[in-house]
C-alpha atoms as a PDB file:
ATOM      1  CA  MET A   1     100.103 147.113  96.258  1.00  0.00           C
ATOM      2  CA  ALA A   2     103.019 144.932  97.296  1.00  0.00           C
ATOM      3  CA  ALA A   3     103.960 144.943 100.960  1.00  0.00           C
ATOM      4  CA  ALA A   4     106.799 147.317 101.813  1.00  0.00           C
ATOM      5  CA  ALA A   5     110.170 145.609 102.215  1.00  0.00           C
ATOM      6  CA  GLU A   6     110.983 147.746 105.195  1.00  0.00           C
ATOM      7  CA  ARG A   7     109.130 149.255 108.114  1.00  0.00           C
ATOM      8  CA  ALA A   8     109.783 152.505 109.945  1.00  0.00           C
ATOM      9  CA  VAL A   9     110.717 152.155 113.596  1.00  0.00           C
ATOM     10  CA  TYR A  10     112.010 155.186 115.517  1.00  0.00           C
ATOM     11  CA  GLY A  11     112.180 156.977 112.181  1.00  0.00           C
ATOM     12  CA  ARG A  12     114.631 154.430 110.759  1.00  0.00           C
ATOM     13  CA  SER A  13     114.102 151.666 108.209  1.00  0.00           C
ATOM     14  CA  VAL A  14     113.938 148.158 109.616  1.00  0.00           C
ATOM     15  CA  PRO A  15     113.925 145.030 107.382  1.00  0.00           C
ATOM     16  CA  ASP A  16     110.769 142.938 107.450  1.00  0.00           C
ATOM     17  CA  GLY A  17     111.003 140.022 109.856  1.00  0.00           C
ATOM     18  CA  ALA A  18     113.662 141.707 111.966  1.00  0.00           C
ATOM     19  CA  GLU A  19     111.625 141.316 115.115  1.00  0.00           C
ATOM     20  CA  GLU A  20     111.362 137.527 114.976  1.00  0.00           C
ATOM     21  CA  ASP A  21     114.510 136.745 116.957  1.00  0.00           C
ATOM     22  CA  TYR A  22     113.979 135.698 120.581  1.00  0.00           C
ATOM     23  CA  GLU A  23     110.249 136.439 120.526  1.00  0.00           C
ATOM     24  CA  SER A  24     108.185 134.024 122.562  1.00  0.00           C
ATOM     25  CA  ASP A  25     104.742 132.848 121.494  1.00  0.00           C
ATOM     26  CA  ASP A  26     103.161 134.738 124.365  1.00  0.00           C
ATOM     27  CA  ALA A  27     105.023 138.001 123.751  1.00  0.00           C
ATOM     28  CA  PRO A  28     102.637 140.972 123.938  1.00  0.00           C
ATOM     29  CA  ASP A  29     101.131 142.431 120.806  1.00  0.00           C
ATOM     30  CA  ASP A  30     101.493 146.118 120.074  1.00  0.00           C
ATOM     31  CA  SER A  31      97.966 147.161 120.978  1.00  0.00           C
ATOM     32  CA  GLY A  32      97.993 149.856 123.623  1.00  0.00           C
ATOM     33  CA  ALA A  33     101.792 150.072 123.704  1.00  0.00           C
ATOM     34  CA  GLY A  34     101.732 153.677 122.586  1.00  0.00           C
ATOM     35  CA  GLY A  35      99.813 154.989 125.563  1.00  0.00           C
ATOM     36  CA  ILE A  36     102.914 156.466 127.138  1.00  0.00           C
ATOM     37  CA  THR A  37     103.328 158.852 124.193  1.00  0.00           C
ATOM     38  CA  GLU A  38      99.850 160.398 124.189  1.00  0.00           C
ATOM     39  CA  GLU A  39      99.655 164.179 124.271  1.00  0.00           C
ATOM     40  CA  TYR A  40     100.999 165.444 127.585  1.00  0.00           C
ATOM     41  CA  SER A  41      99.240 168.215 129.488  1.00  0.00           C
ATOM     42  CA  ASP A  42     101.268 171.266 130.474  1.00  0.00           C
ATOM     43  CA  SER A  43     103.142 170.689 133.698  1.00  0.00           C
ATOM     44  CA  HIS A  44     105.204 172.975 135.896  1.00  0.00           C
ATOM     45  CA  ALA A  45     106.921 170.075 137.654  1.00  0.00           C
ATOM     46  CA  TYR A  46     109.755 170.083 135.124  1.00  0.00           C
ATOM     47  CA  TYR A  47     110.465 173.781 135.512  1.00  0.00           C
ATOM     48  CA  ASP A  48     110.156 173.622 139.290  1.00  0.00           C
ATOM     49  CA  SER A  49     112.727 170.840 139.667  1.00  0.00           C
ATOM     50  CA  ASP A  50     115.865 171.614 141.665  1.00  0.00           C
ATOM     51  CA  ILE A  51     118.209 170.530 138.898  1.00  0.00           C
ATOM     52  CA  TYR A  52     116.443 172.804 136.389  1.00  0.00           C
ATOM     53  CA  ARG A  53     116.890 175.816 138.652  1.00  0.00           C
ATOM     54  CA  GLN A  54     120.521 174.889 139.313  1.00  0.00           C
ATOM     55  CA  LEU A  55     121.395 174.464 135.656  1.00  0.00           C
ATOM     56  CA  ALA A  56     119.372 177.479 134.547  1.00  0.00           C
ATOM     57  CA  GLY A  57     121.289 179.542 137.093  1.00  0.00           C
ATOM     58  CA  ALA A  58     124.560 178.297 135.667  1.00  0.00           C
ATOM     59  CA  GLU A  59     123.395 179.255 132.182  1.00  0.00           C
ATOM     60  CA  ASP A  60     122.417 182.757 133.325  1.00  0.00           C
ATOM     61  CA  ALA A  61     125.836 183.134 134.938  1.00  0.00           C
ATOM     62  CA  GLY A  62     127.545 182.139 131.697  1.00  0.00           C
ATOM     63  CA  THR A  63     129.246 179.118 133.264  1.00  0.00           C
ATOM     64  CA  ALA A  64     127.278 176.219 131.788  1.00  0.00           C
ATOM     65  CA  GLY A  65     129.219 174.328 129.159  1.00  0.00           C
ATOM     66  CA  GLY A  66     132.429 176.104 130.118  1.00  0.00           C
ATOM     67  CA  GLY A  67     132.309 179.869 130.178  1.00  0.00           C
ATOM     68  CA  ASN A  68     135.601 180.131 128.287  1.00  0.00           C
ATOM     69  CA  ARG A  69     134.173 178.396 125.220  1.00  0.00           C
ATOM     70  CA  GLY A  70     131.774 181.153 124.203  1.00  0.00           C
ATOM     71  CA  ASP A  71     128.952 183.325 125.474  1.00  0.00           C
ATOM     72  CA  GLY A  72     125.401 182.005 125.558  1.00  0.00           C
ATOM     73  CA  ASP A  73     122.967 184.170 123.604  1.00  0.00           C
ATOM     74  CA  GLY A  74     119.648 182.472 124.274  1.00  0.00           C
ATOM     75  CA  ALA A  75     117.378 180.288 122.174  1.00  0.00           C
ATOM     76  CA  GLY A  76     118.573 179.879 118.619  1.00  0.00           C
ATOM     77  CA  GLY A  77     122.061 181.008 119.618  1.00  0.00           C
ATOM     78  CA  ASN A  78     124.648 179.058 121.581  1.00  0.00           C
ATOM     79  CA  VAL A  79     125.500 178.164 125.146  1.00  0.00           C
ATOM     80  CA  GLY A  80     129.074 177.360 126.073  1.00  0.00           C
ATOM     81  CA  GLY A  81     130.158 177.649 122.433  1.00  0.00           C
ATOM     82  CA  MET A  82     127.717 174.972 121.188  1.00  0.00           C
ATOM     83  CA  LYS A  83     124.825 175.940 118.925  1.00  0.00           C
ATOM     84  CA  SER A  84     121.289 175.684 120.248  1.00  0.00           C
ATOM     85  CA  ARG A  85     118.854 173.613 118.233  1.00  0.00           C
ATOM     86  CA  LYS A  86     115.568 171.750 118.485  1.00  0.00           C
ATOM     87  CA  PRO A  87     115.893 168.318 120.099  1.00  0.00           C
ATOM     88  CA  LYS A  88     115.426 165.204 117.994  1.00  0.00           C
ATOM     89  CA  TRP A  89     113.024 162.609 119.333  1.00  0.00           C
ATOM     90  CA  TYR A  90     112.465 158.988 118.529  1.00  0.00           C
ATOM     91  CA  GLY A  91     109.043 158.002 117.270  1.00  0.00           C
ATOM     92  CA  THR A  92     107.073 160.156 114.855  1.00  0.00           C
ATOM     93  CA  LYS A  93     105.569 163.638 115.042  1.00  0.00           C
ATOM     94  CA  LYS A  94     102.246 162.213 116.236  1.00  0.00           C
ATOM     95  CA  PHE A  95     103.704 159.320 118.196  1.00  0.00           C
ATOM     96  CA  GLY A  96     106.777 160.000 120.258  1.00  0.00           C
ATOM     97  CA  GLY A  97     108.703 162.593 122.218  1.00  0.00           C
ATOM     98  CA  LEU A  98     107.638 164.645 125.212  1.00  0.00           C
ATOM     99  CA  HIS A  99     104.992 166.706 123.456  1.00  0.00           C
ATOM    100  CA  TYR A 100     104.898 169.669 125.809  1.00  0.00           C
ATOM    101  CA  LEU A 101     108.680 170.051 125.452  1.00  0.00           C
ATOM    102  CA  ARG A 102     108.795 169.800 121.655  1.00  0.00           C
ATOM    103  CA  ASP A 103     109.442 173.522 121.124  1.00  0.00           C
ATOM    104  CA  ILE A 104     112.351 173.861 123.548  1.00  0.00           C
ATOM    105  CA  GLU A 105     115.914 174.633 122.487  1.00  0.00           C
ATOM    106  CA  ILE A 106     118.880 172.606 123.727  1.00  0.00           C
ATOM    107  CA  ALA A 107     122.502 173.675 123.499  1.00  0.00           C
ATOM    108  CA  GLY A 108     124.240 170.722 125.143  1.00  0.00           C
ATOM    109  CA  ARG A 109     125.109 167.356 123.650  1.00  0.00           C
ATOM    110  CA  LEU A 110     124.057 163.854 124.700  1.00  0.00           C
ATOM    111  CA  ILE A 111     126.749 161.178 124.397  1.00  0.00           C
ATOM    112  CA  VAL A 112     125.972 157.563 125.276  1.00  0.00           C
ATOM    113  CA  ILE A 113     128.425 154.819 126.252  1.00  0.00           C
ATOM    114  CA  GLU A 114     126.761 151.404 125.950  1.00  0.00           C
ATOM    115  CA  GLY A 115     128.181 147.999 126.732  1.00  0.00           C
ATOM    116  CA  PRO A 116     127.676 144.827 128.771  1.00  0.00           C
ATOM    117  CA  ASP A 117     128.438 144.339 132.441  1.00  0.00           C
ATOM    118  CA  ALA A 118     132.192 144.786 133.167  1.00  0.00           C
ATOM    119  CA  SER A 119     132.884 146.217 129.707  1.00  0.00           C
ATOM    120  CA  GLY A 120     134.571 149.271 131.240  1.00  0.00           C
ATOM    121  CA  ARG A 121     131.787 151.805 130.665  1.00  0.00           C
ATOM    122  CA  SER A 122     131.954 153.431 134.107  1.00  0.00           C
ATOM    123  CA  THR A 123     135.724 153.746 133.962  1.00  0.00           C
ATOM    124  CA  GLN A 124     135.526 155.432 130.577  1.00  0.00           C
ATOM    125  CA  ILE A 125     132.752 157.770 131.769  1.00  0.00           C
ATOM    126  CA  GLU A 126     134.967 158.880 134.667  1.00  0.00           C
ATOM    127  CA  LEU A 127     137.965 159.454 132.399  1.00  0.00           C
ATOM    128  CA  LEU A 128     135.931 161.303 129.782  1.00  0.00           C
ATOM    129  CA  THR A 129     134.321 163.505 132.416  1.00  0.00           C
ATOM    130  CA  THR A 130     137.719 164.664 133.657  1.00  0.00           C
ATOM    131  CA  GLN A 131     139.054 165.124 130.134  1.00  0.00           C
ATOM    132  CA  LEU A 132     136.055 167.085 128.880  1.00  0.00           C
ATOM    133  CA  GLU A 133     136.024 169.324 131.937  1.00  0.00           C
ATOM    134  CA  ALA A 134     139.708 170.039 131.352  1.00  0.00           C
ATOM    135  CA  GLU A 135     138.713 171.244 127.873  1.00  0.00           C
ATOM    136  CA  GLY A 136     136.201 173.669 129.389  1.00  0.00           C
ATOM    137  CA  TYR A 137     132.975 171.677 129.039  1.00  0.00           C
ATOM    138  CA  ALA A 138     130.517 171.272 131.898  1.00  0.00           C
ATOM    139  CA  VAL A 139     129.607 167.592 132.197  1.00  0.00           C
ATOM    140  CA  LEU A 140     126.685 165.764 133.771  1.00  0.00           C
ATOM    141  CA  ASN A 141     126.679 161.975 134.256  1.00  0.00           C
ATOM    142  CA  THR A 142     123.610 159.775 134.177  1.00  0.00           C
ATOM    143  CA  GLY A 143     122.809 156.075 133.874  1.00  0.00           C
ATOM    144  CA  LEU A 144     120.315 153.331 134.597  1.00  0.00           C
ATOM    145  CA  THR A 145     118.538 153.143 137.990  1.00  0.00           C
ATOM    146  CA  ARG A 146     119.655 156.664 138.973  1.00  0.00           C
ATOM    147  CA  SER A 147     116.233 158.237 139.311  1.00  0.00           C
ATOM    148  CA  GLU A 148     115.883 159.609 142.827  1.00  0.00           C
ATOM    149  CA  ILE A 149     112.288 158.387 143.107  1.00  0.00           C
ATOM    150  CA  ILE A 150     112.485 155.079 141.195  1.00  0.00           C
ATOM    151  CA  GLY A 151     116.082 153.864 140.939  1.00  0.00           C
ATOM    152  CA  GLN A 152     116.364 152.449 144.437  1.00  0.00           C
ATOM    153  CA  GLY A 153     112.998 150.778 144.054  1.00  0.00           C
ATOM    154  CA  ILE A 154     114.257 148.802 141.064  1.00  0.00           C
ATOM    155  CA  LEU A 155     117.257 147.541 143.007  1.00  0.00           C
ATOM    156  CA  GLU A 156     115.099 146.550 145.971  1.00  0.00           C
ATOM    157  CA  ALA A 157     112.535 144.835 143.757  1.00  0.00           C
ATOM    158  CA  LYS A 158     115.204 142.812 141.957  1.00  0.00           C
ATOM    159  CA  ARG A 159     116.651 141.696 145.292  1.00  0.00           C
ATOM    160  CA  ASN A 160     113.413 140.752 146.979  1.00  0.00           C
ATOM    161  CA  ILE A 161     110.732 140.119 144.352  1.00  0.00           C
ATOM    162  CA  SER A 162     110.485 137.848 141.336  1.00  0.00           C
ATOM    163  CA  LEU A 163     109.361 140.427 138.760  1.00  0.00           C
ATOM    164  CA  GLY A 164     107.614 139.604 135.499  1.00  0.00           C
ATOM    165  CA  VAL A 165     109.451 140.510 132.285  1.00  0.00           C
ATOM    166  CA  ARG A 166     107.104 143.306 131.280  1.00  0.00           C
ATOM    167  CA  THR A 167     106.795 144.606 134.837  1.00  0.00           C
ATOM    168  CA  LEU A 168     110.576 144.986 135.024  1.00  0.00           C
ATOM    169  CA  ALA A 169     110.617 146.611 131.579  1.00  0.00           C
ATOM    170  CA  MET A 170     108.076 149.225 132.675  1.00  0.00           C
ATOM    171  CA  PHE A 171     109.991 149.802 135.918  1.00  0.00           C
ATOM    172  CA  TYR A 172     113.144 150.660 133.954  1.00  0.00           C
ATOM    173  CA  ALA A 173     111.157 152.815 131.517  1.00  0.00           C
ATOM    174  CA  ALA A 174     109.804 154.873 134.419  1.00  0.00           C
ATOM    175  CA  ASP A 175     113.325 155.326 135.805  1.00  0.00           C
ATOM    176  CA  PHE A 176     114.559 156.503 132.403  1.00  0.00           C
ATOM    177  CA  ALA A 177     111.592 158.826 131.835  1.00  0.00           C
ATOM    178  CA  ASP A 178     112.095 160.547 135.192  1.00  0.00           C
ATOM    179  CA  GLN A 179     115.777 161.153 134.481  1.00  0.00           C
ATOM    180  CA  LEU A 180     115.103 162.329 130.935  1.00  0.00           C
ATOM    181  CA  GLU A 181     112.571 164.940 132.008  1.00  0.00           C
ATOM    182  CA  HIS A 182     114.168 166.174 135.218  1.00  0.00           C
ATOM    183  CA  LYS A 183     117.878 165.645 134.662  1.00  0.00           C
ATOM    184  CA  ILE A 184     118.953 165.116 131.055  1.00  0.00           C
ATOM    185  CA  ILE A 185     116.822 167.734 129.291  1.00  0.00           C
ATOM    186  CA  PRO A 186     117.491 170.550 131.822  1.00  0.00           C
ATOM    187  CA  ALA A 187     121.230 169.849 131.565  1.00  0.00           C
ATOM    188  CA  LEU A 188     121.122 169.945 127.757  1.00  0.00           C
ATOM    189  CA  GLN A 189     119.196 173.219 127.862  1.00  0.00           C
ATOM    190  CA  ALA A 190     121.905 174.694 130.073  1.00  0.00           C
ATOM    191  CA  GLY A 191     124.651 173.652 127.634  1.00  0.00           C
ATOM    192  CA  TYR A 192     126.041 170.632 129.471  1.00  0.00           C
ATOM    193  CA  VAL A 193     127.596 167.612 127.836  1.00  0.00           C
ATOM    194  CA  VAL A 194     125.576 164.688 129.233  1.00  0.00           C
ATOM    195  CA  LEU A 195     127.487 161.409 129.420  1.00  0.00           C
ATOM    196  CA  ALA A 196     125.059 158.507 129.751  1.00  0.00           C
ATOM    197  CA  ASP A 197     126.321 155.232 131.204  1.00  0.00           C
ATOM    198  CA  ARG A 198     123.895 153.096 129.141  1.00  0.00           C
ATOM    199  CA  TYR A 199     120.700 154.345 127.552  1.00  0.00           C
ATOM    200  CA  ILE A 200     117.494 152.853 126.128  1.00  0.00           C
ATOM    201  CA  TYR A 201     119.403 150.411 123.900  1.00  0.00           C
ATOM    202  CA  THR A 202     120.446 148.153 126.773  1.00  0.00           C
ATOM    203  CA  LEU A 203     116.869 148.143 128.036  1.00  0.00           C
ATOM    204  CA  MET A 204     115.528 147.265 124.601  1.00  0.00           C
ATOM    205  CA  ALA A 205     118.086 144.506 124.108  1.00  0.00           C
ATOM    206  CA  ARG A 206     117.268 142.997 127.498  1.00  0.00           C
ATOM    207  CA  ASN A 207     113.577 143.047 126.637  1.00  0.00           C
ATOM    208  CA  THR A 208     114.107 141.312 123.311  1.00  0.00           C
ATOM    209  CA  VAL A 209     116.220 138.450 124.612  1.00  0.00           C
ATOM    210  CA  ARG A 210     113.565 137.875 127.282  1.00  0.00           C
ATOM    211  CA  GLY A 211     110.844 137.423 124.683  1.00  0.00           C
ATOM    212  CA  ILE A 212     109.342 140.903 124.271  1.00  0.00           C
ATOM    213  CA  LYS A 213     108.785 142.084 120.719  1.00  0.00           C
ATOM    214  CA  ARG A 214     111.089 144.773 119.412  1.00  0.00           C
ATOM    215  CA  SER A 215     108.116 146.833 118.238  1.00  0.00           C
ATOM    216  CA  TRP A 216     106.724 146.875 121.799  1.00  0.00           C
ATOM    217  CA  SER A 217     110.007 148.253 123.158  1.00  0.00           C
ATOM    218  CA  SER A 218     110.419 150.785 120.354  1.00  0.00           C
ATOM    219  CA  ASN A 219     106.919 152.106 121.022  1.00  0.00           C
ATOM    220  CA  LEU A 220     107.611 152.206 124.744  1.00  0.00           C
ATOM    221  CA  TYR A 221     110.754 154.319 124.291  1.00  0.00           C
ATOM    222  CA  SER A 222     109.444 156.529 121.493  1.00  0.00           C
ATOM    223  CA  PHE A 223     109.509 159.459 123.943  1.00  0.00           C
ATOM    224  CA  ALA A 224     113.326 159.351 124.187  1.00  0.00           C
ATOM    225  CA  LEU A 225     115.773 161.908 122.845  1.00  0.00           C
ATOM    226  CA  VAL A 226     118.029 160.814 119.992  1.00  0.00           C
ATOM    227  CA  PRO A 227     121.635 160.961 121.312  1.00  0.00           C
ATOM    228  CA  ASP A 228     124.269 162.936 119.434  1.00  0.00           C
ATOM    229  CA  MET A 229     126.796 160.095 119.672  1.00  0.00           C
ATOM    230  CA  THR A 230     126.422 156.497 120.858  1.00  0.00           C
ATOM    231  CA  PHE A 231     129.296 154.068 121.390  1.00  0.00           C
ATOM    232  CA  TYR A 232     128.921 150.366 122.152  1.00  0.00           C
ATOM    233  CA  LEU A 233     131.883 148.712 123.887  1.00  0.00           C
ATOM    234  CA  ASP A 234     131.993 145.292 122.257  1.00  0.00           C
ATOM    235  CA  VAL A 235     133.727 142.791 124.557  1.00  0.00           C
ATOM    236  CA  ASP A 236     134.032 139.033 124.099  1.00  0.00           C
ATOM    237  CA  PRO A 237     131.848 137.219 126.689  1.00  0.00           C
ATOM    238  CA  TYR A 238     134.798 135.055 127.784  1.00  0.00           C
ATOM    239  CA  VAL A 239     136.774 138.227 128.492  1.00  0.00           C
ATOM    240  CA  LEU A 240     133.770 139.706 130.291  1.00  0.00           C
ATOM    241  CA  VAL A 241     133.352 136.796 132.671  1.00  0.00           C
ATOM    242  CA  HIS A 242     136.956 137.090 133.854  1.00  0.00           C
ATOM    243  CA  ARG A 243     136.526 140.839 134.376  1.00  0.00           C
ATOM    244  CA  VAL A 244     133.373 140.247 136.407  1.00  0.00           C
ATOM    245  CA  PHE A 245     135.096 137.754 138.694  1.00  0.00           C
ATOM    246  CA  ALA A 246     138.058 140.117 139.103  1.00  0.00           C
ATOM    247  CA  LYS A 247     135.652 142.940 139.978  1.00  0.00           C
ATOM    248  CA  ARG A 248     133.305 141.275 142.461  1.00  0.00           C
ATOM    249  CA  GLN A 249     134.083 137.519 142.624  1.00  0.00           C
ATOM    250  CA  SER A 250     130.556 136.506 141.640  1.00  0.00           C
ATOM    251  CA  LEU A 251     128.083 136.659 138.745  1.00  0.00           C
ATOM    252  CA  ASP A 252     124.990 138.855 138.874  1.00  0.00           C
ATOM    253  CA  TYR A 253     121.681 136.985 138.662  1.00  0.00           C
ATOM    254  CA  TYR A 254     120.080 139.178 135.996  1.00  0.00           C
ATOM    255  CA  GLU A 255     123.276 140.007 134.077  1.00  0.00           C
ATOM    256  CA  SER A 256     123.785 136.256 133.732  1.00  0.00           C
ATOM    257  CA  GLY A 257     120.280 135.680 132.432  1.00  0.00           C
ATOM    258  CA  ALA A 258     119.604 133.297 135.327  1.00  0.00           C
ATOM    259  CA  ASP A 259     116.008 134.533 135.484  1.00  0.00           C
ATOM    260  CA  MET A 260     115.517 133.116 131.981  1.00  0.00           C
ATOM    261  CA  GLY A 261     116.463 129.558 132.903  1.00  0.00           C
ATOM    262  CA  ILE A 262     119.099 129.378 130.178  1.00  0.00           C
ATOM    263  CA  SER A 263     121.270 126.939 132.109  1.00  0.00           C
ATOM    264  CA  LYS A 264     121.594 125.567 135.613  1.00  0.00           C
ATOM    265  CA  ASN A 265     125.294 126.418 135.430  1.00  0.00           C
ATOM    266  CA  MET A 266     125.715 130.140 136.194  1.00  0.00           C
ATOM    267  CA  TYR A 267     128.940 130.437 134.194  1.00  0.00           C
ATOM    268  CA  ASP A 268     127.364 128.845 131.121  1.00  0.00           C
ATOM    269  CA  SER A 269     124.244 130.986 131.565  1.00  0.00           C
ATOM    270  CA  PHE A 270     126.355 134.167 131.670  1.00  0.00           C
ATOM    271  CA  ILE A 271     128.223 133.305 128.465  1.00  0.00           C
ATOM    272  CA  ARG A 272     125.102 132.378 126.534  1.00  0.00           C
ATOM    273  CA  TYR A 273     123.130 135.378 127.799  1.00  0.00           C
ATOM    274  CA  GLN A 274     125.901 137.810 126.863  1.00  0.00           C
ATOM    275  CA  GLN A 275     126.138 136.217 123.421  1.00  0.00           C
ATOM    276  CA  ARG A 276     122.429 136.793 122.904  1.00  0.00           C
ATOM    277  CA  LEU A 277     122.755 140.421 123.973  1.00  0.00           C
ATOM    278  CA  ALA A 278     125.700 140.891 121.604  1.00  0.00           C
ATOM    279  CA  ARG A 279     123.651 139.564 118.688  1.00  0.00           C
ATOM    280  CA  GLU A 280     120.807 141.884 119.604  1.00  0.00           C
ATOM    281  CA  PHE A 281     123.153 144.872 119.671  1.00  0.00           C
ATOM    282  CA  GLU A 282     124.162 144.006 116.106  1.00  0.00           C
ATOM    283  CA  VAL A 283     120.512 144.516 115.171  1.00  0.00           C
ATOM    284  CA  LEU A 284     120.367 147.773 117.150  1.00  0.00           C
ATOM    285  CA  LYS A 285     123.547 148.938 115.425  1.00  0.00           C
ATOM    286  CA  GLN A 286     121.810 148.674 112.057  1.00  0.00           C
ATOM    287  CA  GLN A 287     118.624 150.352 113.274  1.00  0.00           C
ATOM    288  CA  TYR A 288     120.079 153.201 115.288  1.00  0.00           C
ATOM    289  CA  GLY A 289     123.572 153.757 113.953  1.00  0.00           C
ATOM    290  CA  LEU A 290     125.520 152.730 117.051  1.00  0.00           C
ATOM    291  CA  ASN A 291     129.306 153.068 116.831  1.00  0.00           C
ATOM    292  CA  MET A 292     130.813 149.675 117.684  1.00  0.00           C
ATOM    293  CA  VAL A 293     134.117 149.945 119.568  1.00  0.00           C
ATOM    294  CA  ASN A 294     136.554 147.144 120.375  1.00  0.00           C
ATOM    295  CA  GLY A 295     136.265 146.901 124.156  1.00  0.00           C
ATOM    296  CA  ASN A 296     138.815 144.093 124.513  1.00  0.00           C
ATOM    297  CA  ARG A 297     141.638 146.645 124.522  1.00  0.00           C
ATOM    298  CA  SER A 298     143.374 148.239 127.487  1.00  0.00           C
ATOM    299  CA  VAL A 299     141.743 151.104 129.382  1.00  0.00           C
ATOM    300  CA  GLU A 300     144.174 153.585 127.821  1.00  0.00           C
ATOM    301  CA  ALA A 301     143.685 152.368 124.249  1.00  0.00           C
ATOM    302  CA  LEU A 302     139.914 152.325 124.634  1.00  0.00           C
ATOM    303  CA  ASN A 303     139.899 155.813 126.100  1.00  0.00           C
ATOM    304  CA  ASP A 304     141.979 157.064 123.198  1.00  0.00           C
ATOM    305  CA  GLY A 305     139.436 155.595 120.794  1.00  0.00           C
ATOM    306  CA  LEU A 306     136.570 157.393 122.542  1.00  0.00           C
ATOM    307  CA  ARG A 307     138.120 160.709 123.556  1.00  0.00           C
ATOM    308  CA  LYS A 308     139.385 161.733 120.118  1.00  0.00           C
ATOM    309  CA  PRO A 309     136.125 161.414 118.149  1.00  0.00           C
ATOM    310  CA  ILE A 310     134.122 162.972 120.986  1.00  0.00           C
ATOM    311  CA  LEU A 311     136.389 166.026 121.241  1.00  0.00           C
ATOM    312  CA  ARG A 312     136.447 166.307 117.444  1.00  0.00           C
ATOM    313  CA  TYR A 313     132.655 166.307 117.355  1.00  0.00           C
ATOM    314  CA  LEU A 314     132.229 168.770 120.226  1.00  0.00           C
ATOM    315  CA  SER A 315     134.716 171.195 118.683  1.00  0.00           C
ATOM    316  CA  LYS A 316     132.392 171.479 115.677  1.00  0.00           C
ATOM    317  CA  ALA A 317     129.100 171.424 117.607  1.00  0.00           C
END
């Protein structure tokens, strides 16, 4: 039998040879990478979390998701005017997802805004939060390194320790997993619109350009929820570098790829690193259906391009 022309990764078709770019000779093989997605034992930690109780209380009170948008009627019904449904997970039925949460119902929607450093993601998240709340939706924001138990540790480690590539990758995966289980999923169950300032795609792209195989990263993040909408703010690296200097007058060590030894010149390293990330996001766009948005525009024009499709989608959710 001839070899298949495509392989399935995250439930999507990926052309053969797609994972060759940026892979180093010593990149890890895939053996053992799926350990994180083994069958989970029942745990009450999720249901005992403060945010779960807070959001569940809001749902019981009929306020989650905007009480004026419809009455919640439990599993299989709707909360805040949005229909409840089973979550979609990356990975496969046997390999992927949080197994002990597979049978839950979620009524909220997960919307991701991706983009490089200084692309305007945080500004757009703030604007969209205000705009969606004005429409009656309850909104929860999340993003990288925001886990209460892990997020600060990542920042400290990056400041004080020279971390290995795979060590840093696992650190970020733990941060994401904690937020997914204790913040994102409870909010979605309560009917919130979750706006994510970056998601697993940035983490996967960073891994790839640092020499880790795409298959390793896809296996690592096979427990993640599939977002309802994902936008990538595509900004020219030469525009980005000026925005960064205007924002903080210096270039970030990791966001410039300085840890990779690309160039002794920080400016040149930033440009080349961002170009590599942009190429990797083109691959991710094909694999995961990311919506590419021109991020070189003004704040107002960019917001207009995000707000309209999001509100159109939510009105039909």
